[in-house]
């Protein structure tokens, strides 16, 4: 199992990641709210601004304070 660092000591399984997107669009904001309502949201920002949204195979949504491009590069390096 490969883990990808998503910032501040947090990691996600690289095998389970479906998408890494920026949080700025309305559809992504709806996905975040739906995940929050379904208790499938993991906030790994430590109070910082959300800059990347990671969607997993299990429909969990992970928020990261790192840029989406940075997380994608780390995922590609593994």
PDB file of N, CA and C in Angstrom:
ATOM      1  N   UNK A   1       0.851  -1.177   0.000  1.00  0.00           N
ATOM      2  CA  UNK A   1       0.000   0.000   0.000  1.00  0.00           C
ATOM      3  C   UNK A   1       0.896   1.239   0.000  1.00  0.00           C
ATOM      4  N   UNK A   2       0.767   2.061  -1.025  1.00  0.00           N
ATOM      5  CA  UNK A   2       1.509   3.312  -1.117  1.00  0.00           C
ATOM      6  C   UNK A   2       0.713   4.422  -0.453  1.00  0.00           C
ATOM      7  N   UNK A   3       1.379   5.194   0.385  1.00  0.00           N
ATOM      8  CA  UNK A   3       0.743   6.337   1.031  1.00  0.00           C
ATOM      9  C   UNK A   3       1.283   7.622   0.424  1.00  0.00           C
ATOM     10  N   UNK A   4       0.402   8.603   0.268  1.00  0.00           N
ATOM     11  CA  UNK A   4       0.778   9.904  -0.274  1.00  0.00           C
ATOM     12  C   UNK A   4       0.592  10.939   0.819  1.00  0.00           C
ATOM     13  N   UNK A   5       1.639  11.712   1.081  1.00  0.00           N
ATOM     14  CA  UNK A   5       1.572  12.771   2.083  1.00  0.00           C
ATOM     15  C   UNK A   5       0.690  13.901   1.549  1.00  0.00           C
ATOM     16  N   UNK A   6      -0.342  14.262   2.325  1.00  0.00           N
ATOM     17  CA  UNK A   6      -1.237  15.348   1.909  1.00  0.00           C
ATOM     18  C   UNK A   6      -1.068  16.568   2.802  1.00  0.00           C
ATOM     19  N   UNK A   7       0.007  16.584   3.571  1.00  0.00           N
ATOM     20  CA  UNK A   7       0.334  17.749   4.376  1.00  0.00           C
ATOM     21  C   UNK A   7       0.103  17.563   5.861  1.00  0.00           C
ATOM     22  N   UNK A   8       0.984  18.173   6.651  1.00  0.00           N
ATOM     23  CA  UNK A   8       0.861  18.230   8.105  1.00  0.00           C
ATOM     24  C   UNK A   8       0.776  16.845   8.744  1.00  0.00           C
ATOM     25  N   UNK A   9       1.563  15.912   8.223  1.00  0.00           N
ATOM     26  CA  UNK A   9       1.634  14.582   8.806  1.00  0.00           C
ATOM     27  C   UNK A   9       0.502  13.653   8.422  1.00  0.00           C
ATOM     28  N   UNK A  10      -0.322  14.034   7.474  1.00  0.00           N
ATOM     29  CA  UNK A  10      -1.444  13.203   7.036  1.00  0.00           C
ATOM     30  C   UNK A  10      -1.107  12.520   5.717  1.00  0.00           C
ATOM     31  N   UNK A  11      -1.672  11.334   5.526  1.00  0.00           N
ATOM     32  CA  UNK A  11      -1.425  10.584   4.296  1.00  0.00           C
ATOM     33  C   UNK A  11      -2.688   9.832   3.894  1.00  0.00           C
ATOM     34  N   UNK A  12      -2.826   9.595   2.604  1.00  0.00           N
ATOM     35  CA  UNK A  12      -3.925   8.776   2.080  1.00  0.00           C
ATOM     36  C   UNK A  12      -3.327   7.663   1.229  1.00  0.00           C
ATOM     37  N   UNK A  13      -4.076   6.593   1.078  1.00  0.00           N
ATOM     38  CA  UNK A  13      -3.640   5.475   0.260  1.00  0.00           C
ATOM     39  C   UNK A  13      -3.710   5.862  -1.216  1.00  0.00           C
ATOM     40  N   UNK A  14      -2.587   5.780  -1.890  1.00  0.00           N
ATOM     41  CA  UNK A  14      -2.529   6.160  -3.305  1.00  0.00           C
ATOM     42  C   UNK A  14      -3.410   5.259  -4.163  1.00  0.00           C
ATOM     43  N   UNK A  15      -3.585   4.016  -3.743  1.00  0.00           N
ATOM     44  CA  UNK A  15      -4.382   3.063  -4.516  1.00  0.00           C
ATOM     45  C   UNK A  15      -5.869   3.386  -4.490  1.00  0.00           C
ATOM     46  N   UNK A  16      -6.313   4.141  -3.497  1.00  0.00           N
ATOM     47  CA  UNK A  16      -7.743   4.415  -3.315  1.00  0.00           C
ATOM     48  C   UNK A  16      -8.178   5.771  -3.859  1.00  0.00           C
ATOM     49  N   UNK A  17      -7.238   6.589  -4.317  1.00  0.00           N
ATOM     50  CA  UNK A  17      -7.568   7.936  -4.792  1.00  0.00           C
ATOM     51  C   UNK A  17      -8.158   7.866  -6.196  1.00  0.00           C
ATOM     52  N   UNK A  18      -9.321   8.506  -6.367  1.00  0.00           N
ATOM     53  CA  UNK A  18      -9.961   8.583  -7.683  1.00  0.00           C
ATOM     54  C   UNK A  18      -9.655   9.917  -8.341  1.00  0.00           C
ATOM     55  N   UNK A  19      -9.757  11.009  -7.563  1.00  0.00           N
ATOM     56  CA  UNK A  19      -9.578  12.341  -8.145  1.00  0.00           C
ATOM     57  C   UNK A  19      -8.996  13.291  -7.117  1.00  0.00           C
ATOM     58  N   UNK A  20      -8.245  14.269  -7.629  1.00  0.00           N
ATOM     59  CA  UNK A  20      -7.728  15.374  -6.821  1.00  0.00           C
ATOM     60  C   UNK A  20      -8.137  16.641  -7.548  1.00  0.00           C
ATOM     61  N   UNK A  21      -8.976  17.450  -6.913  1.00  0.00           N
ATOM     62  CA  UNK A  21      -9.530  18.628  -7.575  1.00  0.00           C
ATOM     63  C   UNK A  21      -9.417  19.855  -6.679  1.00  0.00           C
ATOM     64  N   UNK A  22      -9.513  21.021  -7.306  1.00  0.00           N
ATOM     65  CA  UNK A  22      -9.548  22.283  -6.563  1.00  0.00           C
ATOM     66  C   UNK A  22     -10.957  22.477  -5.995  1.00  0.00           C
ATOM     67  N   UNK A  23     -11.080  23.134  -4.849  1.00  0.00           N
ATOM     68  CA  UNK A  23     -12.379  23.251  -4.178  1.00  0.00           C
ATOM     69  C   UNK A  23     -13.225  24.435  -4.616  1.00  0.00           C
ATOM     70  N   UNK A  24     -12.850  25.136  -5.666  1.00  0.00           N
ATOM     71  CA  UNK A  24     -13.470  26.422  -5.973  1.00  0.00           C
ATOM     72  C   UNK A  24     -14.805  26.347  -6.704  1.00  0.00           C
ATOM     73  N   UNK A  25     -15.098  25.257  -7.404  1.00  0.00           N
ATOM     74  CA  UNK A  25     -16.333  25.219  -8.196  1.00  0.00           C
ATOM     75  C   UNK A  25     -17.536  24.797  -7.350  1.00  0.00           C
ATOM     76  N   UNK A  26     -18.707  25.201  -7.794  1.00  0.00           N
ATOM     77  CA  UNK A  26     -19.944  24.884  -7.074  1.00  0.00           C
ATOM     78  C   UNK A  26     -20.196  23.373  -6.971  1.00  0.00           C
ATOM     79  N   UNK A  27     -19.968  22.587  -8.031  1.00  0.00           N
ATOM     80  CA  UNK A  27     -20.190  21.140  -7.891  1.00  0.00           C
ATOM     81  C   UNK A  27     -19.295  20.494  -6.826  1.00  0.00           C
ATOM     82  N   UNK A  28     -18.060  20.949  -6.731  1.00  0.00           N
ATOM     83  CA  UNK A  28     -17.151  20.400  -5.720  1.00  0.00           C
ATOM     84  C   UNK A  28     -17.608  20.816  -4.330  1.00  0.00           C
ATOM     85  N   UNK A  29     -18.068  22.041  -4.188  1.00  0.00           N
ATOM     86  CA  UNK A  29     -18.595  22.485  -2.892  1.00  0.00           C
ATOM     87  C   UNK A  29     -19.800  21.646  -2.481  1.00  0.00           C
ATOM     88  N   UNK A  30     -20.633  21.252  -3.455  1.00  0.00           N
ATOM     89  CA  UNK A  30     -21.776  20.378  -3.161  1.00  0.00           C
ATOM     90  C   UNK A  30     -21.299  18.993  -2.734  1.00  0.00           C
ATOM     91  N   UNK A  31     -20.274  18.485  -3.393  1.00  0.00           N
ATOM     92  CA  UNK A  31     -19.715  17.180  -3.020  1.00  0.00           C
ATOM     93  C   UNK A  31     -19.203  17.225  -1.586  1.00  0.00           C
ATOM     94  N   UNK A  32     -18.520  18.312  -1.229  1.00  0.00           N
ATOM     95  CA  UNK A  32     -18.008  18.466   0.136  1.00  0.00           C
ATOM     96  C   UNK A  32     -19.161  18.481   1.134  1.00  0.00           C
ATOM     97  N   UNK A  33     -20.206  19.247   0.848  1.00  0.00           N
ATOM     98  CA  UNK A  33     -21.344  19.339   1.764  1.00  0.00           C
ATOM     99  C   UNK A  33     -22.070  17.998   1.882  1.00  0.00           C
ATOM    100  N   UNK A  34     -22.242  17.304   0.766  1.00  0.00           N
ATOM    101  CA  UNK A  34     -22.887  15.987   0.799  1.00  0.00           C
ATOM    102  C   UNK A  34     -22.068  14.997   1.627  1.00  0.00           C
ATOM    103  N   UNK A  35     -20.739  15.043   1.483  1.00  0.00           N
ATOM    104  CA  UNK A  35     -19.870  14.164   2.269  1.00  0.00           C
ATOM    105  C   UNK A  35     -19.955  14.513   3.749  1.00  0.00           C
ATOM    106  N   UNK A  36     -20.018  15.797   4.062  1.00  0.00           N
ATOM    107  CA  UNK A  36     -20.153  16.229   5.460  1.00  0.00           C
ATOM    108  C   UNK A  36     -21.459  15.689   6.052  1.00  0.00           C
ATOM    109  N   UNK A  37     -22.541  15.793   5.293  1.00  0.00           N
ATOM    110  CA  UNK A  37     -23.843  15.313   5.762  1.00  0.00           C
ATOM    111  C   UNK A  37     -23.862  13.799   5.951  1.00  0.00           C
ATOM    112  N   UNK A  38     -23.109  13.078   5.121  1.00  0.00           N
ATOM    113  CA  UNK A  38     -23.068  11.615   5.185  1.00  0.00           C
ATOM    114  C   UNK A  38     -21.956  11.102   6.102  1.00  0.00           C
ATOM    115  N   UNK A  39     -21.284  11.994   6.821  1.00  0.00           N
ATOM    116  CA  UNK A  39     -20.160  11.633   7.700  1.00  0.00           C
ATOM    117  C   UNK A  39     -19.046  10.917   6.939  1.00  0.00           C
ATOM    118  N   UNK A  40     -18.773  11.374   5.719  1.00  0.00           N
ATOM    119  CA  UNK A  40     -17.699  10.805   4.903  1.00  0.00           C
ATOM    120  C   UNK A  40     -16.650  11.855   4.555  1.00  0.00           C
ATOM    121  N   UNK A  41     -16.589  12.913   5.364  1.00  0.00           N
ATOM    122  CA  UNK A  41     -15.627  13.985   5.122  1.00  0.00           C
ATOM    123  C   UNK A  41     -14.488  13.882   6.122  1.00  0.00           C
ATOM    124  N   UNK A  42     -13.257  13.938   5.611  1.00  0.00           N
ATOM    125  CA  UNK A  42     -12.067  13.963   6.453  1.00  0.00           C
ATOM    126  C   UNK A  42     -11.385  15.299   6.214  1.00  0.00           C
ATOM    127  N   UNK A  43     -11.346  16.134   7.244  1.00  0.00           N
ATOM    128  CA  UNK A  43     -10.733  17.458   7.130  1.00  0.00           C
ATOM    129  C   UNK A  43      -9.305  17.389   7.656  1.00  0.00           C
ATOM    130  N   UNK A  44      -8.337  17.381   6.745  1.00  0.00           N
ATOM    131  CA  UNK A  44      -6.926  17.291   7.112  1.00  0.00           C
ATOM    132  C   UNK A  44      -6.224  18.629   6.914  1.00  0.00           C
ATOM    133  N   UNK A  45      -6.968  19.733   7.035  1.00  0.00           N
ATOM    134  CA  UNK A  45      -6.396  21.056   6.785  1.00  0.00           C
ATOM    135  C   UNK A  45      -5.806  21.703   8.029  1.00  0.00           C
ATOM    136  N   UNK A  46      -6.136  21.193   9.213  1.00  0.00           N
ATOM    137  CA  UNK A  46      -5.681  21.778  10.475  1.00  0.00           C
ATOM    138  C   UNK A  46      -6.033  23.257  10.566  1.00  0.00           C
ATOM    139  N   UNK A  47      -7.238  23.597  10.133  1.00  0.00           N
ATOM    140  CA  UNK A  47      -7.724  24.965  10.248  1.00  0.00           C
ATOM    141  C   UNK A  47      -7.262  25.901   9.151  1.00  0.00           C
ATOM    142  N   UNK A  48      -6.472  25.407   8.240  1.00  0.00           N
ATOM    143  CA  UNK A  48      -6.008  26.245   7.136  1.00  0.00           C
ATOM    144  C   UNK A  48      -7.005  26.194   5.979  1.00  0.00           C
ATOM    145  N   UNK A  49      -6.788  27.032   4.993  1.00  0.00           N
ATOM    146  CA  UNK A  49      -7.679  27.088   3.837  1.00  0.00           C
ATOM    147  C   UNK A  49      -7.585  25.795   3.026  1.00  0.00           C
ATOM    148  N   UNK A  50      -8.728  25.278   2.603  1.00  0.00           N
ATOM    149  CA  UNK A  50      -8.762  24.079   1.766  1.00  0.00           C
ATOM    150  C   UNK A  50      -8.306  24.434   0.359  1.00  0.00           C
ATOM    151  N   UNK A  51      -7.281  23.721  -0.123  1.00  0.00           N
ATOM    152  CA  UNK A  51      -6.749  23.984  -1.459  1.00  0.00           C
ATOM    153  C   UNK A  51      -6.833  22.784  -2.378  1.00  0.00           C
ATOM    154  N   UNK A  52      -7.144  21.611  -1.801  1.00  0.00           N
ATOM    155  CA  UNK A  52      -7.313  20.413  -2.624  1.00  0.00           C
ATOM    156  C   UNK A  52      -8.384  19.530  -2.002  1.00  0.00           C
ATOM    157  N   UNK A  53      -9.164  18.905  -2.864  1.00  0.00           N
ATOM    158  CA  UNK A  53     -10.192  17.962  -2.440  1.00  0.00           C
ATOM    159  C   UNK A  53      -9.838  16.620  -3.072  1.00  0.00           C
ATOM    160  N   UNK A  54      -9.698  15.608  -2.232  1.00  0.00           N
ATOM    161  CA  UNK A  54      -9.317  14.275  -2.694  1.00  0.00           C
ATOM    162  C   UNK A  54     -10.535  13.368  -2.540  1.00  0.00           C
ATOM    163  N   UNK A  55     -10.920  12.719  -3.621  1.00  0.00           N
ATOM    164  CA  UNK A  55     -12.073  11.825  -3.606  1.00  0.00           C
ATOM    165  C   UNK A  55     -11.555  10.394  -3.716  1.00  0.00           C
ATOM    166  N   UNK A  56     -12.048   9.517  -2.836  1.00  0.00           N
ATOM    167  CA  UNK A  56     -11.564   8.143  -2.785  1.00  0.00           C
ATOM    168  C   UNK A  56     -12.591   7.164  -3.340  1.00  0.00           C
ATOM    169  N   UNK A  57     -12.148   5.920  -3.533  1.00  0.00           N
ATOM    170  CA  UNK A  57     -13.018   4.855  -4.046  1.00  0.00           C
ATOM    171  C   UNK A  57     -14.234   4.622  -3.164  1.00  0.00           C
ATOM    172  N   UNK A  58     -14.084   4.817  -1.861  1.00  0.00           N
ATOM    173  CA  UNK A  58     -15.171   4.561  -0.910  1.00  0.00           C
ATOM    174  C   UNK A  58     -16.092   5.773  -0.754  1.00  0.00           C
ATOM    175  N   UNK A  59     -15.948   6.743  -1.654  1.00  0.00           N
ATOM    176  CA  UNK A  59     -16.727   7.991  -1.636  1.00  0.00           C
ATOM    177  C   UNK A  59     -16.428   8.871  -0.431  1.00  0.00           C
ATOM    178  N   UNK A  60     -15.309   8.647   0.222  1.00  0.00           N
ATOM    179  CA  UNK A  60     -14.860   9.571   1.249  1.00  0.00           C
ATOM    180  C   UNK A  60     -14.223  10.771   0.550  1.00  0.00           C
ATOM    181  N   UNK A  61     -14.364  11.922   1.173  1.00  0.00           N
ATOM    182  CA  UNK A  61     -13.803  13.160   0.640  1.00  0.00           C
ATOM    183  C   UNK A  61     -12.802  13.672   1.663  1.00  0.00           C
ATOM    184  N   UNK A  62     -11.569  13.902   1.217  1.00  0.00           N
ATOM    185  CA  UNK A  62     -10.499  14.361   2.096  1.00  0.00           C
ATOM    186  C   UNK A  62     -10.111  15.771   1.676  1.00  0.00           C
ATOM    187  N   UNK A  63     -10.092  16.689   2.643  1.00  0.00           N
ATOM    188  CA  UNK A  63      -9.690  18.069   2.378  1.00  0.00           C
ATOM    189  C   UNK A  63      -8.234  18.242   2.772  1.00  0.00           C
ATOM    190  N   UNK A  64      -7.467  18.912   1.921  1.00  0.00           N
ATOM    191  CA  UNK A  64      -6.052  19.155   2.182  1.00  0.00           C
ATOM    192  C   UNK A  64      -5.741  20.634   2.016  1.00  0.00           C
ATOM    193  N   UNK A  65      -4.776  21.111   2.803  1.00  0.00           N
ATOM    194  CA  UNK A  65      -4.349  22.502   2.709  1.00  0.00           C
ATOM    195  C   UNK A  65      -3.276  22.692   1.637  1.00  0.00           C
ATOM    196  N   UNK A  66      -2.816  21.601   1.032  1.00  0.00           N
ATOM    197  CA  UNK A  66      -1.839  21.711  -0.053  1.00  0.00           C
ATOM    198  C   UNK A  66      -2.562  21.926  -1.376  1.00  0.00           C
ATOM    199  N   UNK A  67      -1.874  22.546  -2.321  1.00  0.00           N
ATOM    200  CA  UNK A  67      -2.438  22.749  -3.655  1.00  0.00           C
ATOM    201  C   UNK A  67      -2.713  21.393  -4.314  1.00  0.00           C
ATOM    202  N   UNK A  68      -3.768  21.329  -5.116  1.00  0.00           N
ATOM    203  CA  UNK A  68      -4.125  20.091  -5.813  1.00  0.00           C
ATOM    204  C   UNK A  68      -2.965  19.609  -6.685  1.00  0.00           C
ATOM    205  N   UNK A  69      -2.278  20.535  -7.328  1.00  0.00           N
ATOM    206  CA  UNK A  69      -1.143  20.175  -8.187  1.00  0.00           C
ATOM    207  C   UNK A  69      -0.021  19.526  -7.378  1.00  0.00           C
ATOM    208  N   UNK A  70       0.233  20.035  -6.184  1.00  0.00           N
ATOM    209  CA  UNK A  70       1.272  19.474  -5.319  1.00  0.00           C
ATOM    210  C   UNK A  70       0.923  18.049  -4.918  1.00  0.00           C
ATOM    211  N   UNK A  71      -0.319  17.829  -4.516  1.00  0.00           N
ATOM    212  CA  UNK A  71      -0.755  16.483  -4.129  1.00  0.00           C
ATOM    213  C   UNK A  71      -0.677  15.548  -5.332  1.00  0.00           C
ATOM    214  N   UNK A  72      -1.090  16.012  -6.500  1.00  0.00           N
ATOM    215  CA  UNK A  72      -1.035  15.191  -7.713  1.00  0.00           C
ATOM    216  C   UNK A  72       0.408  14.826  -8.062  1.00  0.00           C
ATOM    217  N   UNK A  73       1.326  15.774  -7.910  1.00  0.00           N
ATOM    218  CA  UNK A  73       2.738  15.486  -8.175  1.00  0.00           C
ATOM    219  C   UNK A  73       3.267  14.436  -7.213  1.00  0.00           C
ATOM    220  N   UNK A  74       2.885  14.530  -5.948  1.00  0.00           N
ATOM    221  CA  UNK A  74       3.320  13.536  -4.964  1.00  0.00           C
ATOM    222  C   UNK A  74       2.733  12.169  -5.288  1.00  0.00           C
ATOM    223  N   UNK A  75       1.505  12.147  -5.766  1.00  0.00           N
ATOM    224  CA  UNK A  75       0.870  10.888  -6.148  1.00  0.00           C
ATOM    225  C   UNK A  75       1.589  10.285  -7.352  1.00  0.00           C
ATOM    226  N   UNK A  76       2.003  11.123  -8.288  1.00  0.00           N
ATOM    227  CA  UNK A  76       2.703  10.659  -9.479  1.00  0.00           C
ATOM    228  C   UNK A  76       4.110  10.178  -9.205  1.00  0.00           C
ATOM    229  N   UNK A  77       4.731  10.667  -8.139  1.00  0.00           N
ATOM    230  CA  UNK A  77       6.097  10.278  -7.803  1.00  0.00           C
ATOM    231  C   UNK A  77       6.181   8.876  -7.222  1.00  0.00           C
ATOM    232  N   UNK A  78       5.068   8.368  -6.703  1.00  0.00           N
ATOM    233  CA  UNK A  78       5.081   7.044  -6.060  1.00  0.00           C
ATOM    234  C   UNK A  78       5.045   5.916  -7.048  1.00  0.00           C
TER     235      UNK A  78
END
